[in-house]
């Protein structure tokens, strides 16, 4: 309901540079997320926005406790770049490898993520 309010802002950032979409991707727990991500985008949210550490909503989706695969797939369908590197050159794929999320790695493979990028975890 908050998103549907014409005065709601999706481009605001907190002191760490996170947008509402960053928080949504990390914390949302109800399976009906596709329409909400579309609404974020319709209101002007950038699926590739990065915070002060260079993390995108896709980086945050990796840590969602319930819907990481569903949210990541929605973001990728909406044009999220699976190869965005944070300040330490880690992509969402690096985060997945670090925490052992083979289900997400398979998803990133299907969206042609670049597995040759070197990040902090994998020099």
PDB file of N, CA and C in Angstrom:
ATOM      1  N   UNK A   1       0.809  -1.202   0.000  1.00  0.00           N
ATOM      2  CA  UNK A   1       0.000   0.000   0.000  1.00  0.00           C
ATOM      3  C   UNK A   1       0.853   1.268   0.000  1.00  0.00           C
ATOM      4  N   UNK A   2       1.965   1.216   0.689  1.00  0.00           N
ATOM      5  CA  UNK A   2       2.843   2.387   0.724  1.00  0.00           C
ATOM      6  C   UNK A   2       3.344   2.709  -0.678  1.00  0.00           C
ATOM      7  N   UNK A   3       3.731   1.693  -1.426  1.00  0.00           N
ATOM      8  CA  UNK A   3       4.219   1.910  -2.787  1.00  0.00           C
ATOM      9  C   UNK A   3       3.153   2.508  -3.694  1.00  0.00           C
ATOM     10  N   UNK A   4       1.917   2.156  -3.469  1.00  0.00           N
ATOM     11  CA  UNK A   4       0.835   2.657  -4.312  1.00  0.00           C
ATOM     12  C   UNK A   4       0.513   4.120  -4.046  1.00  0.00           C
ATOM     13  N   UNK A   5       0.956   4.654  -2.927  1.00  0.00           N
ATOM     14  CA  UNK A   5       0.722   6.057  -2.613  1.00  0.00           C
ATOM     15  C   UNK A   5       1.501   6.915  -3.604  1.00  0.00           C
ATOM     16  N   UNK A   6       0.826   7.855  -4.275  1.00  0.00           N
ATOM     17  CA  UNK A   6       1.512   8.685  -5.279  1.00  0.00           C
ATOM     18  C   UNK A   6       2.684   9.494  -4.713  1.00  0.00           C
ATOM     19  N   UNK A   7       2.705   9.721  -3.416  1.00  0.00           N
ATOM     20  CA  UNK A   7       3.774  10.507  -2.809  1.00  0.00           C
ATOM     21  C   UNK A   7       4.949   9.657  -2.336  1.00  0.00           C
ATOM     22  N   UNK A   8       4.842   8.346  -2.460  1.00  0.00           N
ATOM     23  CA  UNK A   8       5.957   7.504  -2.003  1.00  0.00           C
ATOM     24  C   UNK A   8       7.136   7.672  -2.950  1.00  0.00           C
ATOM     25  N   UNK A   9       8.326   7.695  -2.364  1.00  0.00           N
ATOM     26  CA  UNK A   9       9.568   7.912  -3.108  1.00  0.00           C
ATOM     27  C   UNK A   9      10.386   6.622  -3.114  1.00  0.00           C
ATOM     28  N   UNK A  10      10.827   6.202  -4.279  1.00  0.00           N
ATOM     29  CA  UNK A  10      11.636   4.989  -4.374  1.00  0.00           C
ATOM     30  C   UNK A  10      13.093   5.288  -4.693  1.00  0.00           C
ATOM     31  N   UNK A  11      13.408   6.563  -4.923  1.00  0.00           N
ATOM     32  CA  UNK A  11      14.780   6.931  -5.267  1.00  0.00           C
ATOM     33  C   UNK A  11      15.554   7.498  -4.076  1.00  0.00           C
ATOM     34  N   UNK A  12      14.904   7.608  -2.919  1.00  0.00           N
ATOM     35  CA  UNK A  12      15.604   8.132  -1.747  1.00  0.00           C
ATOM     36  C   UNK A  12      16.669   7.141  -1.302  1.00  0.00           C
ATOM     37  N   UNK A  13      17.690   7.654  -0.646  1.00  0.00           N
ATOM     38  CA  UNK A  13      18.752   6.793  -0.135  1.00  0.00           C
ATOM     39  C   UNK A  13      19.011   7.135   1.330  1.00  0.00           C
ATOM     40  N   UNK A  14      19.438   6.143   2.089  1.00  0.00           N
ATOM     41  CA  UNK A  14      19.818   6.402   3.471  1.00  0.00           C
ATOM     42  C   UNK A  14      21.296   6.779   3.515  1.00  0.00           C
ATOM     43  N   UNK A  15      21.839   6.942   4.717  1.00  0.00           N
ATOM     44  CA  UNK A  15      23.236   7.387   4.822  1.00  0.00           C
ATOM     45  C   UNK A  15      24.237   6.374   4.268  1.00  0.00           C
ATOM     46  N   UNK A  16      23.807   5.115   4.110  1.00  0.00           N
ATOM     47  CA  UNK A  16      24.678   4.104   3.504  1.00  0.00           C
ATOM     48  C   UNK A  16      24.467   3.978   2.000  1.00  0.00           C
ATOM     49  N   UNK A  17      23.564   4.801   1.467  1.00  0.00           N
ATOM     50  CA  UNK A  17      23.302   4.781   0.038  1.00  0.00           C
ATOM     51  C   UNK A  17      22.288   3.746  -0.405  1.00  0.00           C
ATOM     52  N   UNK A  18      21.646   3.079   0.550  1.00  0.00           N
ATOM     53  CA  UNK A  18      20.651   2.063   0.211  1.00  0.00           C
ATOM     54  C   UNK A  18      19.318   2.692  -0.162  1.00  0.00           C
ATOM     55  N   UNK A  19      18.689   2.133  -1.176  1.00  0.00           N
ATOM     56  CA  UNK A  19      17.366   2.572  -1.604  1.00  0.00           C
ATOM     57  C   UNK A  19      16.309   1.665  -0.978  1.00  0.00           C
ATOM     58  N   UNK A  20      15.043   2.053  -1.069  1.00  0.00           N
ATOM     59  CA  UNK A  20      13.978   1.147  -0.604  1.00  0.00           C
ATOM     60  C   UNK A  20      14.032  -0.218  -1.299  1.00  0.00           C
ATOM     61  N   UNK A  21      14.450  -0.245  -2.572  1.00  0.00           N
ATOM     62  CA  UNK A  21      14.527  -1.516  -3.286  1.00  0.00           C
ATOM     63  C   UNK A  21      15.616  -2.415  -2.690  1.00  0.00           C
ATOM     64  N   UNK A  22      16.720  -1.850  -2.249  1.00  0.00           N
ATOM     65  CA  UNK A  22      17.749  -2.635  -1.565  1.00  0.00           C
ATOM     66  C   UNK A  22      17.127  -3.364  -0.369  1.00  0.00           C
ATOM     67  N   UNK A  23      16.420  -2.607   0.485  1.00  0.00           N
ATOM     68  CA  UNK A  23      15.834  -3.198   1.691  1.00  0.00           C
ATOM     69  C   UNK A  23      14.751  -4.218   1.356  1.00  0.00           C
ATOM     70  N   UNK A  24      13.952  -3.896   0.354  1.00  0.00           N
ATOM     71  CA  UNK A  24      12.915  -4.834  -0.081  1.00  0.00           C
ATOM     72  C   UNK A  24      13.556  -6.169  -0.477  1.00  0.00           C
ATOM     73  N   UNK A  25      14.596  -6.111  -1.281  1.00  0.00           N
ATOM     74  CA  UNK A  25      15.225  -7.327  -1.795  1.00  0.00           C
ATOM     75  C   UNK A  25      15.855  -8.164  -0.688  1.00  0.00           C
ATOM     76  N   UNK A  26      16.329  -7.538   0.342  1.00  0.00           N
ATOM     77  CA  UNK A  26      16.951  -8.282   1.438  1.00  0.00           C
ATOM     78  C   UNK A  26      15.923  -8.820   2.433  1.00  0.00           C
ATOM     79  N   UNK A  27      14.795  -8.143   2.603  1.00  0.00           N
ATOM     80  CA  UNK A  27      13.912  -8.463   3.718  1.00  0.00           C
ATOM     81  C   UNK A  27      12.522  -8.976   3.370  1.00  0.00           C
ATOM     82  N   UNK A  28      12.076  -8.842   2.135  1.00  0.00           N
ATOM     83  CA  UNK A  28      10.696  -9.217   1.800  1.00  0.00           C
ATOM     84  C   UNK A  28      10.508 -10.723   1.920  1.00  0.00           C
ATOM     85  N   UNK A  29       9.341 -11.156   2.461  1.00  0.00           N
ATOM     86  CA  UNK A  29       9.146 -12.571   2.754  1.00  0.00           C
ATOM     87  C   UNK A  29       7.897 -13.202   2.138  1.00  0.00           C
ATOM     88  N   UNK A  30       7.083 -12.444   1.430  1.00  0.00           N
ATOM     89  CA  UNK A  30       5.863 -12.985   0.851  1.00  0.00           C
ATOM     90  C   UNK A  30       6.089 -13.312  -0.618  1.00  0.00           C
ATOM     91  N   UNK A  31       5.704 -14.528  -1.061  1.00  0.00           N
ATOM     92  CA  UNK A  31       6.019 -14.955  -2.436  1.00  0.00           C
ATOM     93  C   UNK A  31       5.514 -14.063  -3.568  1.00  0.00           C
ATOM     94  N   UNK A  32       4.545 -13.234  -3.342  1.00  0.00           N
ATOM     95  CA  UNK A  32       4.025 -12.396  -4.426  1.00  0.00           C
ATOM     96  C   UNK A  32       4.858 -11.125  -4.558  1.00  0.00           C
ATOM     97  N   UNK A  33       6.076 -11.267  -5.048  1.00  0.00           N
ATOM     98  CA  UNK A  33       6.963 -10.102  -5.121  1.00  0.00           C
ATOM     99  C   UNK A  33       7.085  -9.532  -6.528  1.00  0.00           C
ATOM    100  N   UNK A  34       6.713 -10.283  -7.559  1.00  0.00           N
ATOM    101  CA  UNK A  34       6.897  -9.806  -8.929  1.00  0.00           C
ATOM    102  C   UNK A  34       6.189  -8.483  -9.180  1.00  0.00           C
ATOM    103  N   UNK A  35       4.933  -8.393  -8.759  1.00  0.00           N
ATOM    104  CA  UNK A  35       4.167  -7.166  -8.979  1.00  0.00           C
ATOM    105  C   UNK A  35       4.771  -5.986  -8.224  1.00  0.00           C
ATOM    106  N   UNK A  36       5.296  -6.256  -7.042  1.00  0.00           N
ATOM    107  CA  UNK A  36       5.881  -5.171  -6.257  1.00  0.00           C
ATOM    108  C   UNK A  36       7.181  -4.666  -6.877  1.00  0.00           C
ATOM    109  N   UNK A  37       7.986  -5.574  -7.392  1.00  0.00           N
ATOM    110  CA  UNK A  37       9.217  -5.138  -8.063  1.00  0.00           C
ATOM    111  C   UNK A  37       8.864  -4.337  -9.309  1.00  0.00           C
ATOM    112  N   UNK A  38       7.851  -4.774 -10.038  1.00  0.00           N
ATOM    113  CA  UNK A  38       7.391  -4.006 -11.200  1.00  0.00           C
ATOM    114  C   UNK A  38       6.918  -2.619 -10.784  1.00  0.00           C
ATOM    115  N   UNK A  39       6.230  -2.528  -9.645  1.00  0.00           N
ATOM    116  CA  UNK A  39       5.760  -1.233  -9.158  1.00  0.00           C
ATOM    117  C   UNK A  39       6.939  -0.342  -8.762  1.00  0.00           C
ATOM    118  N   UNK A  40       7.935  -0.909  -8.107  1.00  0.00           N
ATOM    119  CA  UNK A  40       9.145  -0.149  -7.797  1.00  0.00           C
ATOM    120  C   UNK A  40       9.716   0.452  -9.081  1.00  0.00           C
ATOM    121  N   UNK A  41       9.844  -0.366 -10.116  1.00  0.00           N
ATOM    122  CA  UNK A  41      10.430   0.080 -11.379  1.00  0.00           C
ATOM    123  C   UNK A  41       9.554   1.135 -12.042  1.00  0.00           C
ATOM    124  N   UNK A  42       8.251   0.910 -12.034  1.00  0.00           N
ATOM    125  CA  UNK A  42       7.309   1.874 -12.618  1.00  0.00           C
ATOM    126  C   UNK A  42       7.431   3.240 -11.936  1.00  0.00           C
ATOM    127  N   UNK A  43       7.714   3.229 -10.631  1.00  0.00           N
ATOM    128  CA  UNK A  43       7.852   4.482  -9.882  1.00  0.00           C
ATOM    129  C   UNK A  43       9.251   5.086 -10.026  1.00  0.00           C
ATOM    130  N   UNK A  44      10.145   4.401 -10.739  1.00  0.00           N
ATOM    131  CA  UNK A  44      11.459   4.973 -11.010  1.00  0.00           C
ATOM    132  C   UNK A  44      12.627   4.330 -10.301  1.00  0.00           C
ATOM    133  N   UNK A  45      12.415   3.227  -9.603  1.00  0.00           N
ATOM    134  CA  UNK A  45      13.532   2.553  -8.931  1.00  0.00           C
ATOM    135  C   UNK A  45      14.502   2.000  -9.976  1.00  0.00           C
ATOM    136  N   UNK A  46      15.765   2.051  -9.651  1.00  0.00           N
ATOM    137  CA  UNK A  46      16.816   1.552 -10.531  1.00  0.00           C
ATOM    138  C   UNK A  46      17.289   0.203  -9.993  1.00  0.00           C
ATOM    139  N   UNK A  47      17.081  -0.866 -10.764  1.00  0.00           N
ATOM    140  CA  UNK A  47      17.479  -2.202 -10.309  1.00  0.00           C
ATOM    141  C   UNK A  47      18.996  -2.344 -10.228  1.00  0.00           C
ATOM    142  N   UNK A  48      19.732  -1.389 -10.789  1.00  0.00           N
ATOM    143  CA  UNK A  48      21.189  -1.422 -10.742  1.00  0.00           C
ATOM    144  C   UNK A  48      21.782  -0.321  -9.857  1.00  0.00           C
ATOM    145  N   UNK A  49      20.947   0.317  -9.037  1.00  0.00           N
ATOM    146  CA  UNK A  49      21.445   1.349  -8.125  1.00  0.00           C
ATOM    147  C   UNK A  49      22.424   0.715  -7.145  1.00  0.00           C
ATOM    148  N   UNK A  50      23.507   1.419  -6.870  1.00  0.00           N
ATOM    149  CA  UNK A  50      24.485   0.889  -5.922  1.00  0.00           C
ATOM    150  C   UNK A  50      24.569   1.782  -4.687  1.00  0.00           C
ATOM    151  N   UNK A  51      24.830   1.154  -3.562  1.00  0.00           N
ATOM    152  CA  UNK A  51      24.993   1.899  -2.317  1.00  0.00           C
ATOM    153  C   UNK A  51      26.443   2.365  -2.174  1.00  0.00           C
ATOM    154  N   UNK A  52      26.792   2.884  -1.018  1.00  0.00           N
ATOM    155  CA  UNK A  52      28.138   3.423  -0.806  1.00  0.00           C
ATOM    156  C   UNK A  52      29.233   2.364  -0.919  1.00  0.00           C
ATOM    157  N   UNK A  53      28.864   1.099  -0.751  1.00  0.00           N
ATOM    158  CA  UNK A  53      29.824   0.000  -0.893  1.00  0.00           C
ATOM    159  C   UNK A  53      29.792  -0.618  -2.285  1.00  0.00           C
ATOM    160  N   UNK A  54      28.962  -0.051  -3.158  1.00  0.00           N
ATOM    161  CA  UNK A  54      28.851  -0.564  -4.518  1.00  0.00           C
ATOM    162  C   UNK A  54      27.908  -1.744  -4.668  1.00  0.00           C
ATOM    163  N   UNK A  55      27.123  -2.026  -3.636  1.00  0.00           N
ATOM    164  CA  UNK A  55      26.201  -3.167  -3.686  1.00  0.00           C
ATOM    165  C   UNK A  55      24.871  -2.763  -4.316  1.00  0.00           C
ATOM    166  N   UNK A  56      24.388  -3.620  -5.195  1.00  0.00           N
ATOM    167  CA  UNK A  56      23.108  -3.405  -5.867  1.00  0.00           C
ATOM    168  C   UNK A  56      22.003  -4.174  -5.136  1.00  0.00           C
ATOM    169  N   UNK A  57      20.747  -3.935  -5.508  1.00  0.00           N
ATOM    170  CA  UNK A  57      19.671  -4.755  -4.943  1.00  0.00           C
ATOM    171  C   UNK A  57      19.899  -6.254  -5.165  1.00  0.00           C
ATOM    172  N   UNK A  58      20.549  -6.614  -6.256  1.00  0.00           N
ATOM    173  CA  UNK A  58      20.829  -8.024  -6.520  1.00  0.00           C
ATOM    174  C   UNK A  58      21.826  -8.596  -5.494  1.00  0.00           C
ATOM    175  N   UNK A  59      22.798  -7.793  -5.088  1.00  0.00           N
ATOM    176  CA  UNK A  59      23.704  -8.217  -4.010  1.00  0.00           C
ATOM    177  C   UNK A  59      22.879  -8.500  -2.750  1.00  0.00           C
ATOM    178  N   UNK A  60      21.932  -7.607  -2.445  1.00  0.00           N
ATOM    179  CA  UNK A  60      21.115  -7.748  -1.238  1.00  0.00           C
ATOM    180  C   UNK A  60      20.172  -8.944  -1.322  1.00  0.00           C
ATOM    181  N   UNK A  61      19.671  -9.236  -2.511  1.00  0.00           N
ATOM    182  CA  UNK A  61      18.743 -10.362  -2.678  1.00  0.00           C
ATOM    183  C   UNK A  61      19.380 -11.679  -2.269  1.00  0.00           C
ATOM    184  N   UNK A  62      20.686 -11.794  -2.446  1.00  0.00           N
ATOM    185  CA  UNK A  62      21.403 -13.017  -2.085  1.00  0.00           C
ATOM    186  C   UNK A  62      21.199 -13.347  -0.600  1.00  0.00           C
ATOM    187  N   UNK A  63      20.999 -12.330   0.227  1.00  0.00           N
ATOM    188  CA  UNK A  63      20.871 -12.538   1.667  1.00  0.00           C
ATOM    189  C   UNK A  63      19.424 -12.584   2.156  1.00  0.00           C
ATOM    190  N   UNK A  64      18.467 -12.562   1.240  1.00  0.00           N
ATOM    191  CA  UNK A  64      17.066 -12.695   1.647  1.00  0.00           C
ATOM    192  C   UNK A  64      16.869 -14.091   2.238  1.00  0.00           C
ATOM    193  N   UNK A  65      16.252 -14.166   3.405  1.00  0.00           N
ATOM    194  CA  UNK A  65      16.108 -15.442   4.110  1.00  0.00           C
ATOM    195  C   UNK A  65      15.038 -16.348   3.519  1.00  0.00           C
ATOM    196  N   UNK A  66      14.118 -15.798   2.732  1.00  0.00           N
ATOM    197  CA  UNK A  66      12.991 -16.594   2.243  1.00  0.00           C
ATOM    198  C   UNK A  66      12.917 -16.735   0.734  1.00  0.00           C
ATOM    199  N   UNK A  67      13.163 -15.653   0.010  1.00  0.00           N
ATOM    200  CA  UNK A  67      12.823 -15.611  -1.418  1.00  0.00           C
ATOM    201  C   UNK A  67      13.988 -15.228  -2.318  1.00  0.00           C
ATOM    202  N   UNK A  68      15.207 -15.549  -1.922  1.00  0.00           N
ATOM    203  CA  UNK A  68      16.362 -15.053  -2.676  1.00  0.00           C
ATOM    204  C   UNK A  68      16.317 -15.407  -4.154  1.00  0.00           C
ATOM    205  N   UNK A  69      15.911 -16.623  -4.503  1.00  0.00           N
ATOM    206  CA  UNK A  69      15.895 -17.027  -5.912  1.00  0.00           C
ATOM    207  C   UNK A  69      14.797 -16.282  -6.661  1.00  0.00           C
ATOM    208  N   UNK A  70      13.621 -16.199  -6.086  1.00  0.00           N
ATOM    209  CA  UNK A  70      12.497 -15.513  -6.735  1.00  0.00           C
ATOM    210  C   UNK A  70      12.793 -14.026  -6.932  1.00  0.00           C
ATOM    211  N   UNK A  71      13.296 -13.384  -5.912  1.00  0.00           N
ATOM    212  CA  UNK A  71      13.600 -11.952  -6.021  1.00  0.00           C
ATOM    213  C   UNK A  71      14.744 -11.725  -7.015  1.00  0.00           C
ATOM    214  N   UNK A  72      15.775 -12.539  -6.939  1.00  0.00           N
ATOM    215  CA  UNK A  72      16.883 -12.388  -7.885  1.00  0.00           C
ATOM    216  C   UNK A  72      16.403 -12.570  -9.318  1.00  0.00           C
ATOM    217  N   UNK A  73      15.541 -13.555  -9.548  1.00  0.00           N
ATOM    218  CA  UNK A  73      15.036 -13.768 -10.900  1.00  0.00           C
ATOM    219  C   UNK A  73      14.198 -12.585 -11.375  1.00  0.00           C
ATOM    220  N   UNK A  74      13.377 -12.034 -10.508  1.00  0.00           N
ATOM    221  CA  UNK A  74      12.585 -10.845 -10.872  1.00  0.00           C
ATOM    222  C   UNK A  74      13.497  -9.678 -11.234  1.00  0.00           C
ATOM    223  N   UNK A  75      14.542  -9.478 -10.448  1.00  0.00           N
ATOM    224  CA  UNK A  75      15.486  -8.391 -10.735  1.00  0.00           C
ATOM    225  C   UNK A  75      16.200  -8.618 -12.066  1.00  0.00           C
ATOM    226  N   UNK A  76      16.634  -9.842 -12.297  1.00  0.00           N
ATOM    227  CA  UNK A  76      17.325 -10.151 -13.547  1.00  0.00           C
ATOM    228  C   UNK A  76      16.404  -9.960 -14.751  1.00  0.00           C
ATOM    229  N   UNK A  77      15.163 -10.385 -14.626  1.00  0.00           N
ATOM    230  CA  UNK A  77      14.186 -10.173 -15.707  1.00  0.00           C
ATOM    231  C   UNK A  77      13.976  -8.688 -15.977  1.00  0.00           C
ATOM    232  N   UNK A  78      14.100  -7.881 -14.931  1.00  0.00           N
ATOM    233  CA  UNK A  78      13.894  -6.435 -15.050  1.00  0.00           C
ATOM    234  C   UNK A  78      15.150  -5.707 -15.509  1.00  0.00           C
ATOM    235  N   UNK A  79      16.216  -6.451 -15.781  1.00  0.00           N
ATOM    236  CA  UNK A  79      17.422  -5.822 -16.307  1.00  0.00           C
ATOM    237  C   UNK A  79      18.557  -5.643 -15.320  1.00  0.00           C
ATOM    238  N   UNK A  80      18.463  -6.257 -14.147  1.00  0.00           N
ATOM    239  CA  UNK A  80      19.569  -6.152 -13.190  1.00  0.00           C
ATOM    240  C   UNK A  80      20.821  -6.789 -13.791  1.00  0.00           C
ATOM    241  N   UNK A  81      21.941  -6.144 -13.572  1.00  0.00           N
ATOM    242  CA  UNK A  81      23.217  -6.608 -14.103  1.00  0.00           C
ATOM    243  C   UNK A  81      23.859  -7.576 -13.109  1.00  0.00           C
ATOM    244  N   UNK A  82      23.986  -8.861 -13.461  1.00  0.00           N
ATOM    245  CA  UNK A  82      24.578  -9.811 -12.524  1.00  0.00           C
ATOM    246  C   UNK A  82      26.086  -9.618 -12.338  1.00  0.00           C
ATOM    247  N   UNK A  83      26.685  -8.745 -13.150  1.00  0.00           N
ATOM    248  CA  UNK A  83      28.133  -8.541 -13.097  1.00  0.00           C
ATOM    249  C   UNK A  83      28.543  -7.246 -12.400  1.00  0.00           C
ATOM    250  N   UNK A  84      27.591  -6.557 -11.754  1.00  0.00           N
ATOM    251  CA  UNK A  84      27.954  -5.346 -11.012  1.00  0.00           C
ATOM    252  C   UNK A  84      28.894  -5.736  -9.885  1.00  0.00           C
ATOM    253  N   UNK A  85      30.019  -5.036  -9.818  1.00  0.00           N
ATOM    254  CA  UNK A  85      31.000  -5.312  -8.774  1.00  0.00           C
ATOM    255  C   UNK A  85      30.935  -4.237  -7.699  1.00  0.00           C
ATOM    256  N   UNK A  86      31.010  -4.675  -6.450  1.00  0.00           N
ATOM    257  CA  UNK A  86      31.014  -3.721  -5.350  1.00  0.00           C
ATOM    258  C   UNK A  86      32.414  -3.106  -5.208  1.00  0.00           C
ATOM    259  N   UNK A  87      32.652  -2.373  -4.158  1.00  0.00           N
ATOM    260  CA  UNK A  87      33.940  -1.680  -3.972  1.00  0.00           C
ATOM    261  C   UNK A  87      35.115  -2.642  -3.830  1.00  0.00           C
ATOM    262  N   UNK A  88      34.835  -3.886  -3.494  1.00  0.00           N
ATOM    263  CA  UNK A  88      35.901  -4.890  -3.393  1.00  0.00           C
ATOM    264  C   UNK A  88      35.891  -5.820  -4.608  1.00  0.00           C
ATOM    265  N   UNK A  89      35.180  -5.405  -5.648  1.00  0.00           N
ATOM    266  CA  UNK A  89      35.071  -6.135  -6.916  1.00  0.00           C
ATOM    267  C   UNK A  89      34.246  -7.413  -6.832  1.00  0.00           C
ATOM    268  N   UNK A  90      33.476  -7.590  -5.764  1.00  0.00           N
ATOM    269  CA  UNK A  90      32.629  -8.780  -5.648  1.00  0.00           C
ATOM    270  C   UNK A  90      31.294  -8.546  -6.338  1.00  0.00           C
ATOM    271  N   UNK A  91      30.878  -9.523  -7.115  1.00  0.00           N
ATOM    272  CA  UNK A  91      29.573  -9.514  -7.773  1.00  0.00           C
ATOM    273  C   UNK A  91      28.589 -10.302  -6.912  1.00  0.00           C
ATOM    274  N   UNK A  92      27.314 -10.264  -7.239  1.00  0.00           N
ATOM    275  CA  UNK A  92      26.367 -11.141  -6.539  1.00  0.00           C
ATOM    276  C   UNK A  92      26.772 -12.616  -6.630  1.00  0.00           C
ATOM    277  N   UNK A  93      27.391 -13.005  -7.730  1.00  0.00           N
ATOM    278  CA  UNK A  93      27.861 -14.393  -7.876  1.00  0.00           C
ATOM    279  C   UNK A  93      28.900 -14.714  -6.797  1.00  0.00           C
ATOM    280  N   UNK A  94      29.824 -13.793  -6.542  1.00  0.00           N
ATOM    281  CA  UNK A  94      30.822 -14.020  -5.496  1.00  0.00           C
ATOM    282  C   UNK A  94      30.146 -14.227  -4.145  1.00  0.00           C
ATOM    283  N   UNK A  95      29.111 -13.422  -3.853  1.00  0.00           N
ATOM    284  CA  UNK A  95      28.379 -13.589  -2.594  1.00  0.00           C
ATOM    285  C   UNK A  95      27.763 -14.988  -2.530  1.00  0.00           C
ATOM    286  N   UNK A  96      27.190 -15.438  -3.643  1.00  0.00           N
ATOM    287  CA  UNK A  96      26.558 -16.769  -3.692  1.00  0.00           C
ATOM    288  C   UNK A  96      27.570 -17.877  -3.452  1.00  0.00           C
ATOM    289  N   UNK A  97      28.722 -17.757  -4.083  1.00  0.00           N
ATOM    290  CA  UNK A  97      29.771 -18.766  -3.908  1.00  0.00           C
ATOM    291  C   UNK A  97      30.232 -18.780  -2.458  1.00  0.00           C
ATOM    292  N   UNK A  98      30.401 -17.593  -1.871  1.00  0.00           N
ATOM    293  CA  UNK A  98      30.880 -17.490  -0.503  1.00  0.00           C
ATOM    294  C   UNK A  98      29.937 -18.168   0.489  1.00  0.00           C
ATOM    295  N   UNK A  99      28.627 -18.065   0.255  1.00  0.00           N
ATOM    296  CA  UNK A  99      27.677 -18.674   1.195  1.00  0.00           C
ATOM    297  C   UNK A  99      27.122 -20.009   0.691  1.00  0.00           C
ATOM    298  N   UNK A 100      27.633 -20.494  -0.436  1.00  0.00           N
ATOM    299  CA  UNK A 100      27.264 -21.819  -0.928  1.00  0.00           C
ATOM    300  C   UNK A 100      25.868 -21.935  -1.503  1.00  0.00           C
ATOM    301  N   UNK A 101      25.392 -20.922  -2.189  1.00  0.00           N
ATOM    302  CA  UNK A 101      24.033 -20.929  -2.762  1.00  0.00           C
ATOM    303  C   UNK A 101      24.065 -21.384  -4.215  1.00  0.00           C
ATOM    304  N   UNK A 102      24.126 -22.700  -4.416  1.00  0.00           N
ATOM    305  CA  UNK A 102      24.186 -23.242  -5.773  1.00  0.00           C
ATOM    306  C   UNK A 102      22.908 -22.967  -6.558  1.00  0.00           C
ATOM    307  N   UNK A 103      21.763 -22.843  -5.867  1.00  0.00           N
ATOM    308  CA  UNK A 103      20.518 -22.534  -6.563  1.00  0.00           C
ATOM    309  C   UNK A 103      20.600 -21.171  -7.241  1.00  0.00           C
ATOM    310  N   UNK A 104      21.185 -20.214  -6.562  1.00  0.00           N
ATOM    311  CA  UNK A 104      21.358 -18.881  -7.156  1.00  0.00           C
ATOM    312  C   UNK A 104      22.434 -18.893  -8.236  1.00  0.00           C
ATOM    313  N   UNK A 105      23.491 -19.646  -8.022  1.00  0.00           N
ATOM    314  CA  UNK A 105      24.554 -19.724  -9.027  1.00  0.00           C
ATOM    315  C   UNK A 105      23.981 -20.251 -10.338  1.00  0.00           C
ATOM    316  N   UNK A 106      23.124 -21.265 -10.266  1.00  0.00           N
ATOM    317  CA  UNK A 106      22.473 -21.798 -11.469  1.00  0.00           C
ATOM    318  C   UNK A 106      21.631 -20.721 -12.150  1.00  0.00           C
ATOM    319  N   UNK A 107      20.936 -19.919 -11.350  1.00  0.00           N
ATOM    320  CA  UNK A 107      20.139 -18.830 -11.919  1.00  0.00           C
ATOM    321  C   UNK A 107      21.043 -17.832 -12.635  1.00  0.00           C
ATOM    322  N   UNK A 108      22.150 -17.453 -12.012  1.00  0.00           N
ATOM    323  CA  UNK A 108      23.067 -16.502 -12.628  1.00  0.00           C
ATOM    324  C   UNK A 108      23.675 -17.064 -13.909  1.00  0.00           C
ATOM    325  N   UNK A 109      23.946 -18.354 -13.929  1.00  0.00           N
ATOM    326  CA  UNK A 109      24.432 -18.994 -15.157  1.00  0.00           C
ATOM    327  C   UNK A 109      23.413 -18.803 -16.269  1.00  0.00           C
ATOM    328  N   UNK A 110      22.136 -19.004 -15.956  1.00  0.00           N
ATOM    329  CA  UNK A 110      21.095 -18.879 -16.987  1.00  0.00           C
ATOM    330  C   UNK A 110      20.942 -17.446 -17.485  1.00  0.00           C
ATOM    331  N   UNK A 111      21.433 -16.461 -16.722  1.00  0.00           N
ATOM    332  CA  UNK A 111      21.397 -15.059 -17.149  1.00  0.00           C
ATOM    333  C   UNK A 111      22.776 -14.574 -17.601  1.00  0.00           C
ATOM    334  N   UNK A 112      23.640 -15.526 -17.954  1.00  0.00           N
ATOM    335  CA  UNK A 112      24.954 -15.236 -18.544  1.00  0.00           C
ATOM    336  C   UNK A 112      25.863 -14.376 -17.674  1.00  0.00           C
ATOM    337  N   UNK A 113      25.835 -14.606 -16.367  1.00  0.00           N
ATOM    338  CA  UNK A 113      26.757 -13.892 -15.484  1.00  0.00           C
ATOM    339  C   UNK A 113      28.193 -14.260 -15.861  1.00  0.00           C
ATOM    340  N   UNK A 114      29.076 -13.306 -15.699  1.00  0.00           N
ATOM    341  CA  UNK A 114      30.489 -13.508 -16.009  1.00  0.00           C
ATOM    342  C   UNK A 114      31.175 -14.129 -14.791  1.00  0.00           C
ATOM    343  N   UNK A 115      31.603 -15.370 -14.923  1.00  0.00           N
ATOM    344  CA  UNK A 115      32.248 -16.066 -13.820  1.00  0.00           C
ATOM    345  C   UNK A 115      33.770 -15.879 -13.837  1.00  0.00           C
ATOM    346  N   UNK A 116      34.266 -15.048 -14.728  1.00  0.00           N
ATOM    347  CA  UNK A 116      35.701 -14.788 -14.806  1.00  0.00           C
ATOM    348  C   UNK A 116      36.118 -13.543 -14.030  1.00  0.00           C
ATOM    349  N   UNK A 117      35.157 -12.805 -13.472  1.00  0.00           N
ATOM    350  CA  UNK A 117      35.483 -11.595 -12.732  1.00  0.00           C
ATOM    351  C   UNK A 117      36.130 -11.965 -11.403  1.00  0.00           C
ATOM    352  N   UNK A 118      37.192 -11.279 -11.066  1.00  0.00           N
ATOM    353  CA  UNK A 118      37.902 -11.534  -9.816  1.00  0.00           C
ATOM    354  C   UNK A 118      37.423 -10.555  -8.765  1.00  0.00           C
ATOM    355  N   UNK A 119      37.070 -11.075  -7.605  1.00  0.00           N
ATOM    356  CA  UNK A 119      36.628 -10.243  -6.500  1.00  0.00           C
ATOM    357  C   UNK A 119      37.499 -10.436  -5.276  1.00  0.00           C
ATOM    358  N   UNK A 120      37.112  -9.810  -4.187  1.00  0.00           N
ATOM    359  CA  UNK A 120      37.858  -9.878  -2.938  1.00  0.00           C
ATOM    360  C   UNK A 120      37.970 -11.322  -2.449  1.00  0.00           C
ATOM    361  N   UNK A 121      36.852 -12.054  -2.486  1.00  0.00           N
ATOM    362  CA  UNK A 121      36.843 -13.429  -1.997  1.00  0.00           C
ATOM    363  C   UNK A 121      37.655 -14.369  -2.864  1.00  0.00           C
ATOM    364  N   UNK A 122      37.744 -14.058  -4.151  1.00  0.00           N
ATOM    365  CA  UNK A 122      38.336 -14.990  -5.115  1.00  0.00           C
ATOM    366  C   UNK A 122      39.357 -14.282  -5.989  1.00  0.00           C
ATOM    367  N   UNK A 123      40.518 -13.995  -5.446  1.00  0.00           N
ATOM    368  CA  UNK A 123      41.580 -13.331  -6.219  1.00  0.00           C
ATOM    369  C   UNK A 123      42.211 -14.329  -7.168  1.00  0.00           C
TER     370      UNK A 123
END
